[in-house]
Amino acid sequence: MDNKKTHNNTVDSELLFRFFNNAATEDEENLIDGWLRESQEHKEIYSNARDLYEAFLMTAPIGMIEGHPAIPENVVRKKNILRTTLRAISGIAAAAAIFFCSSYITDYRYENRLANTMNTIYVPAGKSMDYTLSDGTVIKLNSGARLQYPMAFAKDIREVRLDGEAYFDVANNPEQPFIVRTFASDIEVLGTEFNVNADEENKMFSTTLIEGSVKLTSKLNPGREIFMHPDQTVRLIDGKLALENKSSKAGIRWTKGILDISGLTFTELMKKLELAFGTNIIIDCKDIPELEYTSGELWINEGLESALKVIQKGADFTYVKDRRTGSIIIK
């Protein structure tokens, strides 16, 4: 192995990738250790190189990693190598790291490729999920939500796409604005907390701001921009975005297991129940029931039938359960 990098007391991309592959010599490992102690900048360079190395393994040609004993066959077949698995992988041929260094690490176009390669998280009905992005942004995803985010954020912007409901606690970074793209609007923030519900199939959209400020750019009304402040909500009403003052607590009740039914039609409420409980609900009646409730909440942990009985007190309907399919049929 060429130890020229060690003799020159130089830590570069090639040396770091040999180190990640467990292919560095003891002298080289000591050199890297001392180099990391020199400055925070070196630690950031190391961290970025590690991220790109792991990204390479996720996108590397199958032929480069196929058959290696350190990688399970099912991982190779699906090419879906998780970060937690990557940190445990060792002994991959040094040639792979050198190939990556020469072909990708110094190529700005490859960084763009990572920023344009999207990962997708889908939360099944009846479930919820907490997720933290690489920049430290914390996201709570509600039932049925679908989040798309890049393998690596671009240098000047952080972009994700949401279909469904999610709560965002965005890590502050004035140099890298955070944008949530939905079917109805783009929501731009620097560092703040807000809730988004974007259901394109049912043309439902709302954003509630808890802390900070956000700018909404409408996709349905070109040129329309809305600047929001805490305790304000933007809703899609008759195809237009409308701003209203409303306590932010209502917008995030779902994160505590509470289903807010305020302002919902019967059909909208049944859709929320479907997602919350993971059960198909069929409305099979001549006239859609009217809800007498103008506000209220349901505790999800009390179960679907309990929720339906509460709703029956404010709406005229009956229901039966299809024992074969598990569906609820509204009569």
C-alpha atoms as a PDB file:
ATOM      1  CA  MET A   1       0.000   0.000   0.000  1.00  0.00           C
ATOM      2  CA  ASP A   2       1.215   3.487  -0.810  1.00  0.00           C
ATOM      3  CA  ASN A   3       2.017   5.331   2.455  1.00  0.00           C
ATOM      4  CA  LYS A   4       3.060   8.524   0.755  1.00  0.00           C
ATOM      5  CA  LYS A   5       0.132  10.376   2.338  1.00  0.00           C
ATOM      6  CA  THR A   6       1.390   9.416   5.812  1.00  0.00           C
ATOM      7  CA  HIS A   7       4.983  10.466   5.165  1.00  0.00           C
ATOM      8  CA  ASN A   8       3.834  13.843   3.920  1.00  0.00           C
ATOM      9  CA  ASN A   9       1.610  14.262   6.988  1.00  0.00           C
ATOM     10  CA  THR A  10      -1.324  14.875   4.647  1.00  0.00           C
ATOM     11  CA  VAL A  11      -4.896  13.733   5.253  1.00  0.00           C
ATOM     12  CA  ASP A  12      -6.935  13.749   2.066  1.00  0.00           C
ATOM     13  CA  SER A  13     -10.026  12.049   0.683  1.00  0.00           C
ATOM     14  CA  GLU A  14      -8.190   8.923  -0.448  1.00  0.00           C
ATOM     15  CA  LEU A  15      -6.680   8.353   2.992  1.00  0.00           C
ATOM     16  CA  LEU A  16     -10.020   8.909   4.723  1.00  0.00           C
ATOM     17  CA  PHE A  17     -11.731   6.393   2.469  1.00  0.00           C
ATOM     18  CA  ARG A  18      -9.033   3.793   3.121  1.00  0.00           C
ATOM     19  CA  PHE A  19      -9.622   4.417   6.812  1.00  0.00           C
ATOM     20  CA  PHE A  20     -13.403   3.949   6.461  1.00  0.00           C
ATOM     21  CA  ASN A  21     -12.683   0.654   4.703  1.00  0.00           C
ATOM     22  CA  ASN A  22     -10.414  -0.532   7.548  1.00  0.00           C
ATOM     23  CA  ALA A  23      -7.592  -0.490   4.999  1.00  0.00           C
ATOM     24  CA  ALA A  24      -5.408   2.218   6.591  1.00  0.00           C
ATOM     25  CA  THR A  25      -2.126   1.371   8.326  1.00  0.00           C
ATOM     26  CA  GLU A  26      -1.567   1.982  12.022  1.00  0.00           C
ATOM     27  CA  ASP A  27       0.584   5.043  11.196  1.00  0.00           C
ATOM     28  CA  GLU A  28      -2.184   6.402   8.981  1.00  0.00           C
ATOM     29  CA  GLU A  29      -4.767   5.869  11.717  1.00  0.00           C
ATOM     30  CA  ASN A  30      -2.560   7.788  14.164  1.00  0.00           C
ATOM     31  CA  LEU A  31      -2.136  10.553  11.603  1.00  0.00           C
ATOM     32  CA  ILE A  32      -5.923  10.882  11.200  1.00  0.00           C
ATOM     33  CA  ASP A  33      -6.401  10.893  14.961  1.00  0.00           C
ATOM     34  CA  GLY A  34      -3.953  13.787  15.389  1.00  0.00           C
ATOM     35  CA  TRP A  35      -5.421  15.630  12.410  1.00  0.00           C
ATOM     36  CA  LEU A  36      -8.927  15.433  13.914  1.00  0.00           C
ATOM     37  CA  ARG A  37      -7.657  16.960  17.162  1.00  0.00           C
ATOM     38  CA  GLU A  38      -6.257  19.979  15.345  1.00  0.00           C
ATOM     39  CA  SER A  39      -9.504  21.812  14.525  1.00  0.00           C
ATOM     40  CA  GLN A  40     -13.291  21.700  14.261  1.00  0.00           C
ATOM     41  CA  GLU A  41     -12.915  22.208  10.509  1.00  0.00           C
ATOM     42  CA  HIS A  42     -11.088  18.883  10.229  1.00  0.00           C
ATOM     43  CA  LYS A  43     -13.884  17.173  12.146  1.00  0.00           C
ATOM     44  CA  GLU A  44     -16.455  18.601   9.727  1.00  0.00           C
ATOM     45  CA  ILE A  45     -14.384  17.443   6.727  1.00  0.00           C
ATOM     46  CA  TYR A  46     -14.205  13.974   8.262  1.00  0.00           C
ATOM     47  CA  SER A  47     -17.965  13.886   8.913  1.00  0.00           C
ATOM     48  CA  ASN A  48     -18.807  15.015   5.359  1.00  0.00           C
ATOM     49  CA  ALA A  49     -16.443  12.446   3.872  1.00  0.00           C
ATOM     50  CA  ARG A  50     -18.032   9.721   5.971  1.00  0.00           C
ATOM     51  CA  ASP A  51     -21.520  10.715   4.822  1.00  0.00           C
ATOM     52  CA  LEU A  52     -20.463  10.662   1.175  1.00  0.00           C
ATOM     53  CA  TYR A  53     -18.739   7.305   1.616  1.00  0.00           C
ATOM     54  CA  GLU A  54     -21.906   5.784   3.049  1.00  0.00           C
ATOM     55  CA  ALA A  55     -23.928   7.360   0.259  1.00  0.00           C
ATOM     56  CA  PHE A  56     -21.588   5.726  -2.246  1.00  0.00           C
ATOM     57  CA  LEU A  57     -22.243   2.305  -0.751  1.00  0.00           C
ATOM     58  CA  MET A  58     -25.984   2.936  -1.111  1.00  0.00           C
ATOM     59  CA  THR A  59     -25.648   3.875  -4.772  1.00  0.00           C
ATOM     60  CA  ALA A  60     -22.627   1.826  -5.825  1.00  0.00           C
ATOM     61  CA  PRO A  61     -23.009  -0.517  -8.827  1.00  0.00           C
ATOM     62  CA  ILE A  62     -24.108  -3.964  -7.689  1.00  0.00           C
ATOM     63  CA  GLY A  63     -21.071  -5.536  -9.332  1.00  0.00           C
ATOM     64  CA  MET A  64     -18.760  -3.603  -7.034  1.00  0.00           C
ATOM     65  CA  ILE A  65     -20.223  -5.018  -3.809  1.00  0.00           C
ATOM     66  CA  GLU A  66     -21.971  -8.197  -4.942  1.00  0.00           C
ATOM     67  CA  GLY A  67     -20.673 -11.354  -3.343  1.00  0.00           C
ATOM     68  CA  HIS A  68     -18.740  -9.625  -0.578  1.00  0.00           C
ATOM     69  CA  PRO A  69     -19.140 -11.688   2.653  1.00  0.00           C
ATOM     70  CA  ALA A  70     -19.727  -8.580   4.766  1.00  0.00           C
ATOM     71  CA  ILE A  71     -22.934  -7.685   2.930  1.00  0.00           C
ATOM     72  CA  PRO A  72     -26.006  -9.971   3.194  1.00  0.00           C
ATOM     73  CA  GLU A  73     -27.494 -11.240  -0.051  1.00  0.00           C
ATOM     74  CA  ASN A  74     -30.864  -9.619   0.603  1.00  0.00           C
ATOM     75  CA  VAL A  75     -29.156  -6.248   1.015  1.00  0.00           C
ATOM     76  CA  VAL A  76     -27.390  -6.631  -2.309  1.00  0.00           C
ATOM     77  CA  ARG A  77     -30.602  -7.741  -3.977  1.00  0.00           C
ATOM     78  CA  LYS A  78     -32.616  -4.785  -2.733  1.00  0.00           C
ATOM     79  CA  LYS A  79     -29.716  -2.320  -2.721  1.00  0.00           C
ATOM     80  CA  ASN A  80     -31.355  -0.783   0.318  1.00  0.00           C
ATOM     81  CA  ILE A  81     -28.391  -0.418   2.692  1.00  0.00           C
ATOM     82  CA  LEU A  82     -29.346   1.426   5.849  1.00  0.00           C
ATOM     83  CA  ARG A  83     -26.969   3.781   7.635  1.00  0.00           C
ATOM     84  CA  THR A  84     -27.015   1.700  10.798  1.00  0.00           C
ATOM     85  CA  THR A  85     -25.935  -1.304   8.767  1.00  0.00           C
ATOM     86  CA  LEU A  86     -23.268   0.656   6.922  1.00  0.00           C
ATOM     87  CA  ARG A  87     -21.515   1.610  10.140  1.00  0.00           C
ATOM     88  CA  ALA A  88     -21.045  -2.081  10.899  1.00  0.00           C
ATOM     89  CA  ILE A  89     -19.704  -2.988   7.451  1.00  0.00           C
ATOM     90  CA  SER A  90     -15.951  -3.447   7.133  1.00  0.00           C
ATOM     91  CA  GLY A  91     -13.420  -5.007   4.815  1.00  0.00           C
ATOM     92  CA  ILE A  92     -14.866  -3.834   1.487  1.00  0.00           C
ATOM     93  CA  ALA A  93     -12.114  -3.773  -1.151  1.00  0.00           C
ATOM     94  CA  ALA A  94      -9.974  -0.633  -1.005  1.00  0.00           C
ATOM     95  CA  ALA A  95     -10.468  -0.302  -4.737  1.00  0.00           C
ATOM     96  CA  ALA A  96     -14.060   0.689  -4.107  1.00  0.00           C
ATOM     97  CA  ALA A  97     -13.003   3.635  -1.992  1.00  0.00           C
ATOM     98  CA  ILE A  98     -10.351   4.714  -4.466  1.00  0.00           C
ATOM     99  CA  PHE A  99     -12.887   4.451  -7.290  1.00  0.00           C
ATOM    100  CA  PHE A 100     -15.271   6.614  -5.326  1.00  0.00           C
ATOM    101  CA  CYS A 101     -12.598   9.182  -4.527  1.00  0.00           C
ATOM    102  CA  SER A 102     -11.535   9.551  -8.134  1.00  0.00           C
ATOM    103  CA  SER A 103     -14.990   9.413  -9.693  1.00  0.00           C
ATOM    104  CA  TYR A 104     -17.303  11.062  -7.174  1.00  0.00           C
ATOM    105  CA  ILE A 105     -15.854  12.784  -4.131  1.00  0.00           C
ATOM    106  CA  THR A 106     -14.155  15.518  -6.177  1.00  0.00           C
ATOM    107  CA  ASP A 107     -17.050  15.815  -8.588  1.00  0.00           C
ATOM    108  CA  TYR A 108     -19.545  18.555  -7.739  1.00  0.00           C
ATOM    109  CA  ARG A 109     -22.017  16.920 -10.062  1.00  0.00           C
ATOM    110  CA  TYR A 110     -22.122  13.877  -7.811  1.00  0.00           C
ATOM    111  CA  GLU A 111     -23.111  16.050  -4.845  1.00  0.00           C
ATOM    112  CA  ASN A 112     -25.963  17.342  -6.990  1.00  0.00           C
ATOM    113  CA  ARG A 113     -26.871  13.756  -7.755  1.00  0.00           C
ATOM    114  CA  LEU A 114     -27.143  12.977  -4.043  1.00  0.00           C
ATOM    115  CA  ALA A 115     -29.317  16.066  -3.533  1.00  0.00           C
ATOM    116  CA  ASN A 116     -31.598  14.863  -6.349  1.00  0.00           C
ATOM    117  CA  THR A 117     -31.782  11.235  -5.175  1.00  0.00           C
ATOM    118  CA  MET A 118     -34.866  10.984  -2.976  1.00  0.00           C
ATOM    119  CA  ASN A 119     -35.597   8.672  -0.072  1.00  0.00           C
ATOM    120  CA  THR A 120     -39.241   8.004   0.842  1.00  0.00           C
ATOM    121  CA  ILE A 121     -40.842   7.266   4.201  1.00  0.00           C
ATOM    122  CA  TYR A 122     -44.439   6.055   4.253  1.00  0.00           C
ATOM    123  CA  VAL A 123     -46.336   5.643   7.528  1.00  0.00           C
ATOM    124  CA  PRO A 124     -49.049   2.948   7.353  1.00  0.00           C
ATOM    125  CA  ALA A 125     -52.564   3.753   8.498  1.00  0.00           C
ATOM    126  CA  GLY A 126     -52.975   3.336  12.232  1.00  0.00           C
ATOM    127  CA  LYS A 127     -49.316   4.144  12.903  1.00  0.00           C
ATOM    128  CA  SER A 128     -47.173   7.232  13.480  1.00  0.00           C
ATOM    129  CA  MET A 129     -43.441   7.856  13.349  1.00  0.00           C
ATOM    130  CA  ASP A 130     -40.791  10.215  14.703  1.00  0.00           C
ATOM    131  CA  TYR A 131     -37.880  10.899  12.348  1.00  0.00           C
ATOM    132  CA  THR A 132     -34.791  13.118  12.497  1.00  0.00           C
ATOM    133  CA  LEU A 133     -33.172  14.397   9.298  1.00  0.00           C
ATOM    134  CA  SER A 134     -29.410  14.726   8.885  1.00  0.00           C
ATOM    135  CA  ASP A 135     -29.543  18.471   9.674  1.00  0.00           C
ATOM    136  CA  GLY A 136     -31.196  17.855  13.044  1.00  0.00           C
ATOM    137  CA  THR A 137     -34.755  18.690  11.956  1.00  0.00           C
ATOM    138  CA  VAL A 138     -37.255  16.588  13.931  1.00  0.00           C
ATOM    139  CA  ILE A 139     -40.408  15.404  12.146  1.00  0.00           C
ATOM    140  CA  LYS A 140     -43.448  13.631  13.571  1.00  0.00           C
ATOM    141  CA  LEU A 141     -45.334  11.836  10.805  1.00  0.00           C
ATOM    142  CA  ASN A 142     -49.027  11.046  11.203  1.00  0.00           C
ATOM    143  CA  SER A 143     -50.864   7.989   9.857  1.00  0.00           C
ATOM    144  CA  GLY A 144     -50.779   7.738   6.071  1.00  0.00           C
ATOM    145  CA  ALA A 145     -48.104  10.432   5.673  1.00  0.00           C
ATOM    146  CA  ARG A 146     -45.497  10.161   2.923  1.00  0.00           C
ATOM    147  CA  LEU A 147     -42.249  12.136   3.236  1.00  0.00           C
ATOM    148  CA  GLN A 148     -39.640  12.449   0.493  1.00  0.00           C
ATOM    149  CA  TYR A 149     -36.204  13.876   1.302  1.00  0.00           C
ATOM    150  CA  PRO A 150     -32.835  13.873  -0.494  1.00  0.00           C
ATOM    151  CA  MET A 151     -29.944  11.565   0.280  1.00  0.00           C
ATOM    152  CA  ALA A 152     -27.965  14.739   1.019  1.00  0.00           C
ATOM    153  CA  PHE A 153     -29.227  18.319   1.184  1.00  0.00           C
ATOM    154  CA  ALA A 154     -27.945  20.812  -1.377  1.00  0.00           C
ATOM    155  CA  LYS A 155     -25.488  23.391  -0.037  1.00  0.00           C
ATOM    156  CA  ASP A 156     -27.875  26.338  -0.281  1.00  0.00           C
ATOM    157  CA  ILE A 157     -31.290  24.804   0.465  1.00  0.00           C
ATOM    158  CA  ARG A 158     -33.036  21.979   2.327  1.00  0.00           C
ATOM    159  CA  GLU A 159     -36.083  20.633   0.492  1.00  0.00           C
ATOM    160  CA  VAL A 160     -38.562  17.882   1.407  1.00  0.00           C
ATOM    161  CA  ARG A 161     -41.936  16.889  -0.053  1.00  0.00           C
ATOM    162  CA  LEU A 162     -44.928  15.944   2.069  1.00  0.00           C
ATOM    163  CA  ASP A 163     -48.192  14.185   1.299  1.00  0.00           C
ATOM    164  CA  GLY A 164     -50.230  13.801   4.481  1.00  0.00           C
ATOM    165  CA  GLU A 165     -49.805  15.285   7.948  1.00  0.00           C
ATOM    166  CA  ALA A 166     -46.585  16.023   9.800  1.00  0.00           C
ATOM    167  CA  TYR A 167     -45.227  18.239  12.567  1.00  0.00           C
ATOM    168  CA  PHE A 168     -41.859  19.900  11.894  1.00  0.00           C
ATOM    169  CA  ASP A 169     -39.315  21.249  14.390  1.00  0.00           C
ATOM    170  CA  VAL A 170     -36.814  22.693  11.920  1.00  0.00           C
ATOM    171  CA  ALA A 171     -33.135  23.095  12.806  1.00  0.00           C
ATOM    172  CA  ASN A 172     -32.164  26.751  12.357  1.00  0.00           C
ATOM    173  CA  ASN A 173     -29.732  27.532   9.553  1.00  0.00           C
ATOM    174  CA  PRO A 174     -30.069  31.005   7.955  1.00  0.00           C
ATOM    175  CA  GLU A 175     -27.665  30.003   5.184  1.00  0.00           C
ATOM    176  CA  GLN A 176     -29.762  27.014   4.171  1.00  0.00           C
ATOM    177  CA  PRO A 177     -33.541  27.688   4.163  1.00  0.00           C
ATOM    178  CA  PHE A 178     -35.869  24.727   4.728  1.00  0.00           C
ATOM    179  CA  ILE A 179     -38.781  24.233   2.313  1.00  0.00           C
ATOM    180  CA  VAL A 180     -41.689  21.814   2.614  1.00  0.00           C
ATOM    181  CA  ARG A 181     -43.260  21.247  -0.797  1.00  0.00           C
ATOM    182  CA  THR A 182     -46.902  20.135  -0.976  1.00  0.00           C
ATOM    183  CA  PHE A 183     -49.538  19.980  -3.705  1.00  0.00           C
ATOM    184  CA  ALA A 184     -51.063  23.282  -2.532  1.00  0.00           C
ATOM    185  CA  SER A 185     -48.092  25.403  -1.488  1.00  0.00           C
ATOM    186  CA  ASP A 186     -44.396  25.609  -0.695  1.00  0.00           C
ATOM    187  CA  ILE A 187     -43.657  26.433   2.946  1.00  0.00           C
ATOM    188  CA  GLU A 188     -40.328  28.172   3.561  1.00  0.00           C
ATOM    189  CA  VAL A 189     -38.731  28.476   7.002  1.00  0.00           C
ATOM    190  CA  LEU A 190     -35.350  29.076   8.639  1.00  0.00           C
ATOM    191  CA  GLY A 191     -35.951  27.509  12.045  1.00  0.00           C
ATOM    192  CA  THR A 192     -39.409  27.065  13.522  1.00  0.00           C
ATOM    193  CA  GLU A 193     -42.172  24.678  14.580  1.00  0.00           C
ATOM    194  CA  PHE A 194     -45.288  24.114  12.511  1.00  0.00           C
ATOM    195  CA  ASN A 195     -47.831  21.492  11.486  1.00  0.00           C
ATOM    196  CA  VAL A 196     -48.795  20.657   7.900  1.00  0.00           C
ATOM    197  CA  ASN A 197     -51.675  18.567   6.610  1.00  0.00           C
ATOM    198  CA  ALA A 198     -51.538  18.163   2.816  1.00  0.00           C
ATOM    199  CA  ASP A 199     -53.985  15.605   1.413  1.00  0.00           C
ATOM    200  CA  GLU A 200     -53.907  15.998  -2.355  1.00  0.00           C
ATOM    201  CA  GLU A 201     -56.368  13.151  -3.025  1.00  0.00           C
ATOM    202  CA  ASN A 202     -59.091  14.855  -0.992  1.00  0.00           C
ATOM    203  CA  LYS A 203     -57.926  18.425  -1.758  1.00  0.00           C
ATOM    204  CA  MET A 204     -57.389  19.188   1.921  1.00  0.00           C
ATOM    205  CA  PHE A 205     -54.584  21.480   3.108  1.00  0.00           C
ATOM    206  CA  SER A 206     -53.778  23.345   6.301  1.00  0.00           C
ATOM    207  CA  THR A 207     -50.721  24.744   8.052  1.00  0.00           C
ATOM    208  CA  THR A 208     -50.607  25.787  11.688  1.00  0.00           C
ATOM    209  CA  LEU A 209     -47.654  27.767  13.023  1.00  0.00           C
ATOM    210  CA  ILE A 210     -46.513  27.057  16.572  1.00  0.00           C
ATOM    211  CA  GLU A 211     -43.293  29.066  16.778  1.00  0.00           C
ATOM    212  CA  GLY A 212     -41.220  31.321  14.497  1.00  0.00           C
ATOM    213  CA  SER A 213     -42.436  32.451  11.091  1.00  0.00           C
ATOM    214  CA  VAL A 214     -43.054  30.884   7.695  1.00  0.00           C
ATOM    215  CA  LYS A 215     -43.794  32.022   4.164  1.00  0.00           C
ATOM    216  CA  LEU A 216     -46.327  30.149   2.047  1.00  0.00           C
ATOM    217  CA  THR A 217     -46.183  30.390  -1.726  1.00  0.00           C
ATOM    218  CA  SER A 218     -49.417  29.145  -3.267  1.00  0.00           C
ATOM    219  CA  LYS A 219     -49.318  26.709  -6.170  1.00  0.00           C
ATOM    220  CA  LEU A 220     -53.064  27.032  -6.734  1.00  0.00           C
ATOM    221  CA  ASN A 221     -53.073  30.837  -6.913  1.00  0.00           C
ATOM    222  CA  PRO A 222     -49.811  31.862  -8.650  1.00  0.00           C
ATOM    223  CA  GLY A 223     -48.208  34.927  -7.102  1.00  0.00           C
ATOM    224  CA  ARG A 224     -50.059  34.561  -3.800  1.00  0.00           C
ATOM    225  CA  GLU A 225     -47.749  34.660  -0.753  1.00  0.00           C
ATOM    226  CA  ILE A 226     -48.759  34.456   2.903  1.00  0.00           C
ATOM    227  CA  PHE A 227     -46.500  35.297   5.848  1.00  0.00           C
ATOM    228  CA  MET A 228     -47.590  33.485   8.995  1.00  0.00           C
ATOM    229  CA  HIS A 229     -47.041  34.237  12.690  1.00  0.00           C
ATOM    230  CA  PRO A 230     -47.571  31.965  15.719  1.00  0.00           C
ATOM    231  CA  ASP A 231     -51.163  30.904  16.448  1.00  0.00           C
ATOM    232  CA  GLN A 232     -52.212  31.366  12.844  1.00  0.00           C
ATOM    233  CA  THR A 233     -53.554  28.730  10.470  1.00  0.00           C
ATOM    234  CA  VAL A 234     -53.818  28.698   6.694  1.00  0.00           C
ATOM    235  CA  ARG A 235     -56.528  26.488   5.188  1.00  0.00           C
ATOM    236  CA  LEU A 236     -57.538  25.580   1.671  1.00  0.00           C
ATOM    237  CA  ILE A 237     -61.136  26.761   1.278  1.00  0.00           C
ATOM    238  CA  ASP A 238     -62.905  26.580  -2.097  1.00  0.00           C
ATOM    239  CA  GLY A 239     -59.579  26.271  -3.885  1.00  0.00           C
ATOM    240  CA  LYS A 240     -57.991  29.295  -2.172  1.00  0.00           C
ATOM    241  CA  LEU A 241     -55.650  29.628   0.790  1.00  0.00           C
ATOM    242  CA  ALA A 242     -57.216  31.551   3.677  1.00  0.00           C
ATOM    243  CA  LEU A 243     -55.436  32.869   6.779  1.00  0.00           C
ATOM    244  CA  GLU A 244     -57.137  32.706  10.164  1.00  0.00           C
ATOM    245  CA  ASN A 245     -56.145  33.231  13.802  1.00  0.00           C
ATOM    246  CA  LYS A 246     -56.371  30.007  15.775  1.00  0.00           C
ATOM    247  CA  SER A 247     -54.639  28.498  18.794  1.00  0.00           C
ATOM    248  CA  SER A 248     -51.714  26.411  17.645  1.00  0.00           C
ATOM    249  CA  LYS A 249     -52.547  23.750  20.248  1.00  0.00           C
ATOM    250  CA  ALA A 250     -55.434  22.480  18.129  1.00  0.00           C
ATOM    251  CA  GLY A 251     -53.143  21.876  15.170  1.00  0.00           C
ATOM    252  CA  ILE A 252     -50.824  19.503  17.020  1.00  0.00           C
ATOM    253  CA  ARG A 253     -53.265  17.557  19.194  1.00  0.00           C
ATOM    254  CA  TRP A 254     -52.723  14.476  17.045  1.00  0.00           C
ATOM    255  CA  THR A 255     -49.115  14.275  18.300  1.00  0.00           C
ATOM    256  CA  LYS A 256     -50.583  13.538  21.742  1.00  0.00           C
ATOM    257  CA  GLY A 257     -53.028  10.904  20.477  1.00  0.00           C
ATOM    258  CA  ILE A 258     -56.000  13.279  20.193  1.00  0.00           C
ATOM    259  CA  LEU A 259     -58.108  13.579  17.038  1.00  0.00           C
ATOM    260  CA  ASP A 260     -59.397  17.151  16.608  1.00  0.00           C
ATOM    261  CA  ILE A 261     -62.761  17.136  14.796  1.00  0.00           C
ATOM    262  CA  SER A 262     -63.265  20.899  14.701  1.00  0.00           C
ATOM    263  CA  GLY A 263     -64.561  22.223  11.390  1.00  0.00           C
ATOM    264  CA  LEU A 264     -64.655  18.822   9.679  1.00  0.00           C
ATOM    265  CA  THR A 265     -67.445  17.499   7.506  1.00  0.00           C
ATOM    266  CA  PHE A 266     -68.718  13.966   8.154  1.00  0.00           C
ATOM    267  CA  THR A 267     -66.796  12.634   5.139  1.00  0.00           C
ATOM    268  CA  GLU A 268     -63.580  14.350   6.237  1.00  0.00           C
ATOM    269  CA  LEU A 269     -63.976  12.966   9.734  1.00  0.00           C
ATOM    270  CA  MET A 270     -64.448   9.416   8.459  1.00  0.00           C
ATOM    271  CA  LYS A 271     -61.277   9.805   6.402  1.00  0.00           C
ATOM    272  CA  LYS A 272     -59.361  10.845   9.511  1.00  0.00           C
ATOM    273  CA  LEU A 273     -60.748   7.847  11.389  1.00  0.00           C
ATOM    274  CA  GLU A 274     -59.594   5.554   8.587  1.00  0.00           C
ATOM    275  CA  LEU A 275     -56.040   6.823   8.869  1.00  0.00           C
ATOM    276  CA  ALA A 276     -55.971   6.952  12.659  1.00  0.00           C
ATOM    277  CA  PHE A 277     -57.220   3.389  13.139  1.00  0.00           C
ATOM    278  CA  GLY A 278     -56.049   1.726   9.921  1.00  0.00           C
ATOM    279  CA  THR A 279     -59.594   0.597   9.088  1.00  0.00           C
ATOM    280  CA  ASN A 280     -61.540   0.949   5.857  1.00  0.00           C
ATOM    281  CA  ILE A 281     -64.750   2.980   6.378  1.00  0.00           C
ATOM    282  CA  ILE A 282     -67.460   2.798   3.705  1.00  0.00           C
ATOM    283  CA  ILE A 283     -70.204   5.441   3.677  1.00  0.00           C
ATOM    284  CA  ASP A 284     -73.197   3.545   2.288  1.00  0.00           C
ATOM    285  CA  CYS A 285     -76.181   5.814   2.894  1.00  0.00           C
ATOM    286  CA  LYS A 286     -78.422   7.926   0.682  1.00  0.00           C
ATOM    287  CA  ASP A 287     -77.630  11.229   2.344  1.00  0.00           C
ATOM    288  CA  ILE A 288     -74.315  12.114   3.988  1.00  0.00           C
ATOM    289  CA  PRO A 289     -74.984  12.735   7.710  1.00  0.00           C
ATOM    290  CA  GLU A 290     -74.597  16.272   9.023  1.00  0.00           C
ATOM    291  CA  LEU A 291     -72.365  16.837  12.039  1.00  0.00           C
ATOM    292  CA  GLU A 292     -73.859  18.936  14.801  1.00  0.00           C
ATOM    293  CA  TYR A 293     -70.443  19.376  16.395  1.00  0.00           C
ATOM    294  CA  THR A 294     -68.544  22.569  15.617  1.00  0.00           C
ATOM    295  CA  SER A 295     -65.591  21.507  17.769  1.00  0.00           C
ATOM    296  CA  GLY A 296     -64.452  18.539  19.802  1.00  0.00           C
ATOM    297  CA  GLU A 297     -61.800  15.891  20.195  1.00  0.00           C
ATOM    298  CA  LEU A 298     -61.517  12.112  20.321  1.00  0.00           C
ATOM    299  CA  TRP A 299     -58.892  10.011  22.118  1.00  0.00           C
ATOM    300  CA  ILE A 300     -57.414   7.541  19.647  1.00  0.00           C
ATOM    301  CA  ASN A 301     -56.350   5.079  22.351  1.00  0.00           C
ATOM    302  CA  GLU A 302     -60.007   4.516  23.292  1.00  0.00           C
ATOM    303  CA  GLY A 303     -60.582   2.716  19.994  1.00  0.00           C
ATOM    304  CA  LEU A 304     -62.613   3.149  16.811  1.00  0.00           C
ATOM    305  CA  GLU A 305     -65.963   1.924  18.117  1.00  0.00           C
ATOM    306  CA  SER A 306     -65.762   4.299  21.073  1.00  0.00           C
ATOM    307  CA  ALA A 307     -65.073   7.163  18.635  1.00  0.00           C
ATOM    308  CA  LEU A 308     -68.038   6.195  16.447  1.00  0.00           C
ATOM    309  CA  LYS A 309     -70.380   6.093  19.438  1.00  0.00           C
ATOM    310  CA  VAL A 310     -69.293   9.595  20.452  1.00  0.00           C
ATOM    311  CA  ILE A 311     -69.840  10.864  16.891  1.00  0.00           C
ATOM    312  CA  GLN A 312     -73.325   9.261  16.814  1.00  0.00           C
ATOM    313  CA  LYS A 313     -74.376  11.718  19.538  1.00  0.00           C
ATOM    314  CA  GLY A 314     -73.934  14.534  17.032  1.00  0.00           C
ATOM    315  CA  ALA A 315     -74.842  12.837  13.750  1.00  0.00           C
ATOM    316  CA  ASP A 316     -77.677  10.597  12.560  1.00  0.00           C
ATOM    317  CA  PHE A 317     -76.172   7.304  11.361  1.00  0.00           C
ATOM    318  CA  THR A 318     -75.690   3.657  12.259  1.00  0.00           C
ATOM    319  CA  TYR A 319     -72.855   1.338  11.370  1.00  0.00           C
ATOM    320  CA  VAL A 320     -72.018  -2.334  11.057  1.00  0.00           C
ATOM    321  CA  LYS A 321     -68.701  -4.143  10.910  1.00  0.00           C
ATOM    322  CA  ASP A 322     -67.986  -6.538   8.059  1.00  0.00           C
ATOM    323  CA  ARG A 323     -66.528  -9.514   9.925  1.00  0.00           C
ATOM    324  CA  ARG A 324     -64.922 -10.852   6.747  1.00  0.00           C
ATOM    325  CA  THR A 325     -63.031  -7.734   5.716  1.00  0.00           C
ATOM    326  CA  GLY A 326     -62.982  -5.756   8.963  1.00  0.00           C
ATOM    327  CA  SER A 327     -64.472  -2.717   7.184  1.00  0.00           C
ATOM    328  CA  ILE A 328     -66.900  -0.370   8.916  1.00  0.00           C
ATOM    329  CA  ILE A 329     -70.054   0.339   6.871  1.00  0.00           C
ATOM    330  CA  ILE A 330     -71.903   3.548   7.664  1.00  0.00           C
ATOM    331  CA  LYS A 331     -75.699   3.244   7.156  1.00  0.00           C
END
